[in-house]
Amino acid sequence: MAERSSIGFELIKQAVNRLKRLGFRNVNENNITTDEVYSFYFFKMLKEMLGESQEKDEAIQQLLEMVNNHISPNSKQKNKKSQTC
């Protein structure tokens, strides 16, 4: 369990650094899962990382659930449309 939490924390840190490189200067470990814009990017990043390892996938699934609770219904709908195209 601690290993999964550690993996999740590392994924969050990596995503924060990636978003900062993209110009999102105010993103941090606390708001990446709650801010609508940051969490949208984080959600997409996590989906791209699925399949690398079982341990990582377990941590990613937990983070996806956390982020999914904060994405607006309109964003979820757009995401579903883009996946079906």
N, C-alpha and C. Protein backbone atom coordinates (compact mmCIF):
# COMPACT_ATOMS: atom_id res chain seq x y z
N MET A 1 0.82 -1.20 0.00
CA MET A 1 0.00 0.00 0.00
C MET A 1 0.86 1.26 0.00
N ALA A 2 1.91 1.24 0.84
CA ALA A 2 2.79 2.42 0.89
C ALA A 2 3.49 2.61 -0.44
N GLU A 3 3.83 1.48 -1.11
CA GLU A 3 4.51 1.58 -2.40
C GLU A 3 3.60 2.25 -3.42
N ARG A 4 2.30 1.87 -3.41
CA ARG A 4 1.36 2.46 -4.34
C ARG A 4 1.21 3.96 -4.08
N SER A 5 1.16 4.35 -2.82
CA SER A 5 1.06 5.76 -2.47
C SER A 5 2.30 6.51 -2.93
N SER A 6 3.46 5.88 -2.77
CA SER A 6 4.71 6.47 -3.21
C SER A 6 4.72 6.65 -4.73
N ILE A 7 4.23 5.65 -5.45
CA ILE A 7 4.15 5.74 -6.91
C ILE A 7 3.21 6.87 -7.29
N GLY A 8 2.06 6.94 -6.62
CA GLY A 8 1.10 8.01 -6.90
C GLY A 8 1.68 9.38 -6.67
N PHE A 9 2.42 9.53 -5.57
CA PHE A 9 3.04 10.83 -5.28
C PHE A 9 4.07 11.18 -6.35
N GLU A 10 4.85 10.21 -6.79
CA GLU A 10 5.84 10.46 -7.86
C GLU A 10 5.15 10.85 -9.17
N LEU A 11 4.03 10.20 -9.48
CA LEU A 11 3.28 10.55 -10.69
C LEU A 11 2.76 11.98 -10.61
N ILE A 12 2.30 12.37 -9.45
CA ILE A 12 1.82 13.74 -9.26
C ILE A 12 2.97 14.72 -9.44
N LYS A 13 4.12 14.44 -8.82
CA LYS A 13 5.28 15.34 -8.96
C LYS A 13 5.72 15.47 -10.42
N GLN A 14 5.74 14.34 -11.14
CA GLN A 14 6.13 14.37 -12.55
C GLN A 14 5.15 15.22 -13.36
N ALA A 15 3.87 15.05 -13.08
CA ALA A 15 2.85 15.80 -13.82
C ALA A 15 2.93 17.29 -13.52
N VAL A 16 3.18 17.64 -12.27
CA VAL A 16 3.33 19.05 -11.90
C VAL A 16 4.51 19.65 -12.67
N ASN A 17 5.63 18.95 -12.69
CA ASN A 17 6.80 19.45 -13.43
C ASN A 17 6.51 19.59 -14.92
N ARG A 18 5.79 18.63 -15.47
CA ARG A 18 5.45 18.68 -16.90
C ARG A 18 4.54 19.87 -17.20
N LEU A 19 3.54 20.09 -16.35
CA LEU A 19 2.63 21.22 -16.56
C LEU A 19 3.36 22.56 -16.38
N LYS A 20 4.29 22.61 -15.46
CA LYS A 20 5.07 23.85 -15.28
C LYS A 20 5.90 24.13 -16.53
N ARG A 21 6.45 23.08 -17.14
CA ARG A 21 7.21 23.27 -18.38
C ARG A 21 6.30 23.75 -19.51
N LEU A 22 5.02 23.40 -19.45
CA LEU A 22 4.05 23.86 -20.45
C LEU A 22 3.56 25.28 -20.17
N GLY A 23 4.01 25.87 -19.06
CA GLY A 23 3.67 27.26 -18.77
C GLY A 23 2.66 27.46 -17.66
N PHE A 24 2.21 26.38 -17.02
CA PHE A 24 1.26 26.51 -15.91
C PHE A 24 2.04 26.72 -14.62
N ARG A 25 2.41 27.97 -14.35
CA ARG A 25 3.30 28.28 -13.23
C ARG A 25 2.68 28.06 -11.86
N ASN A 26 1.36 28.11 -11.75
CA ASN A 26 0.72 28.01 -10.44
C ASN A 26 0.29 26.60 -10.06
N VAL A 27 0.55 25.63 -10.91
CA VAL A 27 0.18 24.25 -10.60
C VAL A 27 1.06 23.72 -9.47
N ASN A 28 0.48 22.92 -8.58
CA ASN A 28 1.25 22.29 -7.52
C ASN A 28 0.61 20.96 -7.15
N GLU A 29 1.22 20.25 -6.21
CA GLU A 29 0.74 18.92 -5.82
C GLU A 29 -0.66 18.96 -5.23
N ASN A 30 -1.07 20.10 -4.69
CA ASN A 30 -2.39 20.20 -4.07
C ASN A 30 -3.50 20.51 -5.07
N ASN A 31 -3.21 21.33 -6.07
CA ASN A 31 -4.30 21.75 -6.96
C ASN A 31 -4.35 20.99 -8.28
N ILE A 32 -3.41 20.11 -8.53
CA ILE A 32 -3.42 19.38 -9.81
C ILE A 32 -4.62 18.44 -9.92
N THR A 33 -5.16 18.00 -8.80
CA THR A 33 -6.31 17.10 -8.85
C THR A 33 -7.64 17.84 -8.65
N THR A 34 -7.58 19.12 -8.31
CA THR A 34 -8.83 19.83 -8.03
C THR A 34 -9.12 20.96 -9.00
N ASP A 35 -8.10 21.59 -9.56
CA ASP A 35 -8.32 22.67 -10.53
C ASP A 35 -8.80 22.06 -11.84
N GLU A 36 -9.83 22.66 -12.42
CA GLU A 36 -10.44 22.08 -13.62
C GLU A 36 -9.46 21.94 -14.78
N VAL A 37 -8.66 22.95 -15.02
CA VAL A 37 -7.71 22.91 -16.15
C VAL A 37 -6.57 21.94 -15.85
N TYR A 38 -5.97 22.08 -14.68
CA TYR A 38 -4.83 21.21 -14.34
C TYR A 38 -5.26 19.75 -14.30
N SER A 39 -6.42 19.48 -13.70
CA SER A 39 -6.86 18.09 -13.57
C SER A 39 -7.19 17.49 -14.93
N PHE A 40 -7.67 18.31 -15.85
CA PHE A 40 -7.95 17.82 -17.20
C PHE A 40 -6.66 17.33 -17.86
N TYR A 41 -5.60 18.13 -17.80
CA TYR A 41 -4.31 17.72 -18.35
C TYR A 41 -3.75 16.50 -17.61
N PHE A 42 -3.87 16.51 -16.29
CA PHE A 42 -3.36 15.41 -15.48
C PHE A 42 -4.08 14.11 -15.85
N PHE A 43 -5.39 14.18 -16.03
CA PHE A 43 -6.19 13.02 -16.42
C PHE A 43 -5.66 12.43 -17.74
N LYS A 44 -5.43 13.30 -18.71
CA LYS A 44 -4.92 12.83 -20.01
C LYS A 44 -3.53 12.22 -19.87
N MET A 45 -2.67 12.83 -19.06
CA MET A 45 -1.33 12.30 -18.83
C MET A 45 -1.40 10.91 -18.21
N LEU A 46 -2.27 10.76 -17.22
CA LEU A 46 -2.40 9.47 -16.54
C LEU A 46 -2.87 8.39 -17.51
N LYS A 47 -3.85 8.71 -18.34
CA LYS A 47 -4.36 7.74 -19.31
C LYS A 47 -3.25 7.28 -20.26
N GLU A 48 -2.37 8.20 -20.63
CA GLU A 48 -1.26 7.86 -21.53
C GLU A 48 -0.26 6.90 -20.87
N MET A 49 -0.17 6.93 -19.54
CA MET A 49 0.80 6.11 -18.82
C MET A 49 0.30 4.72 -18.48
N LEU A 50 -0.99 4.46 -18.68
CA LEU A 50 -1.52 3.13 -18.37
C LEU A 50 -0.83 2.05 -19.19
N GLY A 51 -0.58 0.92 -18.55
CA GLY A 51 0.00 -0.22 -19.25
C GLY A 51 1.49 -0.39 -19.06
N GLU A 52 2.12 0.50 -18.32
CA GLU A 52 3.57 0.39 -18.13
C GLU A 52 3.93 -0.69 -17.12
N SER A 53 3.14 -0.81 -16.04
CA SER A 53 3.35 -1.87 -15.04
C SER A 53 2.09 -1.99 -14.20
N GLN A 54 1.91 -3.15 -13.58
CA GLN A 54 0.71 -3.38 -12.78
C GLN A 54 0.69 -2.45 -11.56
N GLU A 55 1.82 -2.29 -10.91
CA GLU A 55 1.87 -1.43 -9.72
C GLU A 55 1.54 0.02 -10.09
N LYS A 56 2.12 0.46 -11.19
CA LYS A 56 1.87 1.82 -11.65
C LYS A 56 0.41 1.99 -12.06
N ASP A 57 -0.13 0.98 -12.73
CA ASP A 57 -1.53 1.04 -13.16
C ASP A 57 -2.48 1.14 -11.98
N GLU A 58 -2.18 0.45 -10.88
CA GLU A 58 -3.02 0.54 -9.69
C GLU A 58 -3.02 1.96 -9.13
N ALA A 59 -1.85 2.56 -9.05
CA ALA A 59 -1.74 3.94 -8.57
C ALA A 59 -2.44 4.90 -9.53
N ILE A 60 -2.28 4.66 -10.82
CA ILE A 60 -2.91 5.51 -11.83
C ILE A 60 -4.42 5.42 -11.73
N GLN A 61 -4.95 4.23 -11.53
CA GLN A 61 -6.41 4.06 -11.41
C GLN A 61 -6.95 4.84 -10.22
N GLN A 62 -6.23 4.82 -9.11
CA GLN A 62 -6.66 5.59 -7.94
C GLN A 62 -6.64 7.09 -8.25
N LEU A 63 -5.59 7.55 -8.91
CA LEU A 63 -5.50 8.96 -9.25
C LEU A 63 -6.57 9.35 -10.27
N LEU A 64 -6.84 8.47 -11.23
CA LEU A 64 -7.87 8.76 -12.23
C LEU A 64 -9.23 8.93 -11.56
N GLU A 65 -9.53 8.09 -10.59
CA GLU A 65 -10.79 8.21 -9.86
C GLU A 65 -10.86 9.55 -9.12
N MET A 66 -9.75 9.92 -8.49
CA MET A 66 -9.70 11.18 -7.75
C MET A 66 -9.91 12.36 -8.70
N VAL A 67 -9.21 12.35 -9.82
CA VAL A 67 -9.31 13.44 -10.80
C VAL A 67 -10.68 13.45 -11.45
N ASN A 68 -11.18 12.29 -11.78
CA ASN A 68 -12.47 12.18 -12.46
C ASN A 68 -13.59 12.83 -11.65
N ASN A 69 -13.46 12.82 -10.33
CA ASN A 69 -14.46 13.44 -9.48
C ASN A 69 -14.45 14.96 -9.57
N HIS A 70 -13.39 15.54 -10.11
CA HIS A 70 -13.27 16.99 -10.18
C HIS A 70 -13.43 17.57 -11.58
N ILE A 71 -13.49 16.71 -12.60
CA ILE A 71 -13.66 17.21 -13.97
C ILE A 71 -15.14 17.50 -14.18
N SER A 72 -15.43 18.63 -14.77
CA SER A 72 -16.83 19.03 -14.98
C SER A 72 -17.52 18.07 -15.93
N PRO A 73 -18.87 17.97 -15.84
CA PRO A 73 -19.61 17.09 -16.75
C PRO A 73 -19.38 17.44 -18.23
N ASN A 74 -19.22 18.71 -18.56
CA ASN A 74 -18.97 19.10 -19.95
C ASN A 74 -17.64 18.58 -20.43
N SER A 75 -16.62 18.61 -19.59
CA SER A 75 -15.30 18.11 -19.97
C SER A 75 -15.35 16.61 -20.18
N LYS A 76 -16.10 15.88 -19.33
CA LYS A 76 -16.22 14.44 -19.48
C LYS A 76 -16.89 14.11 -20.81
N GLN A 77 -17.91 14.88 -21.14
CA GLN A 77 -18.64 14.64 -22.37
C GLN A 77 -17.73 14.87 -23.58
N LYS A 78 -16.95 15.95 -23.56
CA LYS A 78 -16.02 16.23 -24.66
C LYS A 78 -14.99 15.12 -24.78
N ASN A 79 -14.49 14.63 -23.62
CA ASN A 79 -13.49 13.58 -23.62
C ASN A 79 -14.06 12.30 -24.24
N LYS A 80 -15.31 11.96 -23.94
CA LYS A 80 -15.94 10.77 -24.53
C LYS A 80 -16.08 10.93 -26.03
N LYS A 81 -16.46 12.13 -26.50
CA LYS A 81 -16.61 12.36 -27.93
C LYS A 81 -15.29 12.20 -28.64
N SER A 82 -14.21 12.72 -28.07
CA SER A 82 -12.91 12.64 -28.73
C SER A 82 -12.40 11.20 -28.78
N GLN A 83 -12.82 10.36 -27.84
CA GLN A 83 -12.38 8.97 -27.83
C GLN A 83 -13.13 8.17 -28.89
N THR A 84 -14.34 8.58 -29.24
CA THR A 84 -15.11 7.82 -30.21
C THR A 84 -14.79 8.17 -31.65
N CYS A 85 -14.10 9.28 -31.87
CA CYS A 85 -13.77 9.70 -33.23
C CYS A 85 -12.62 8.90 -33.80
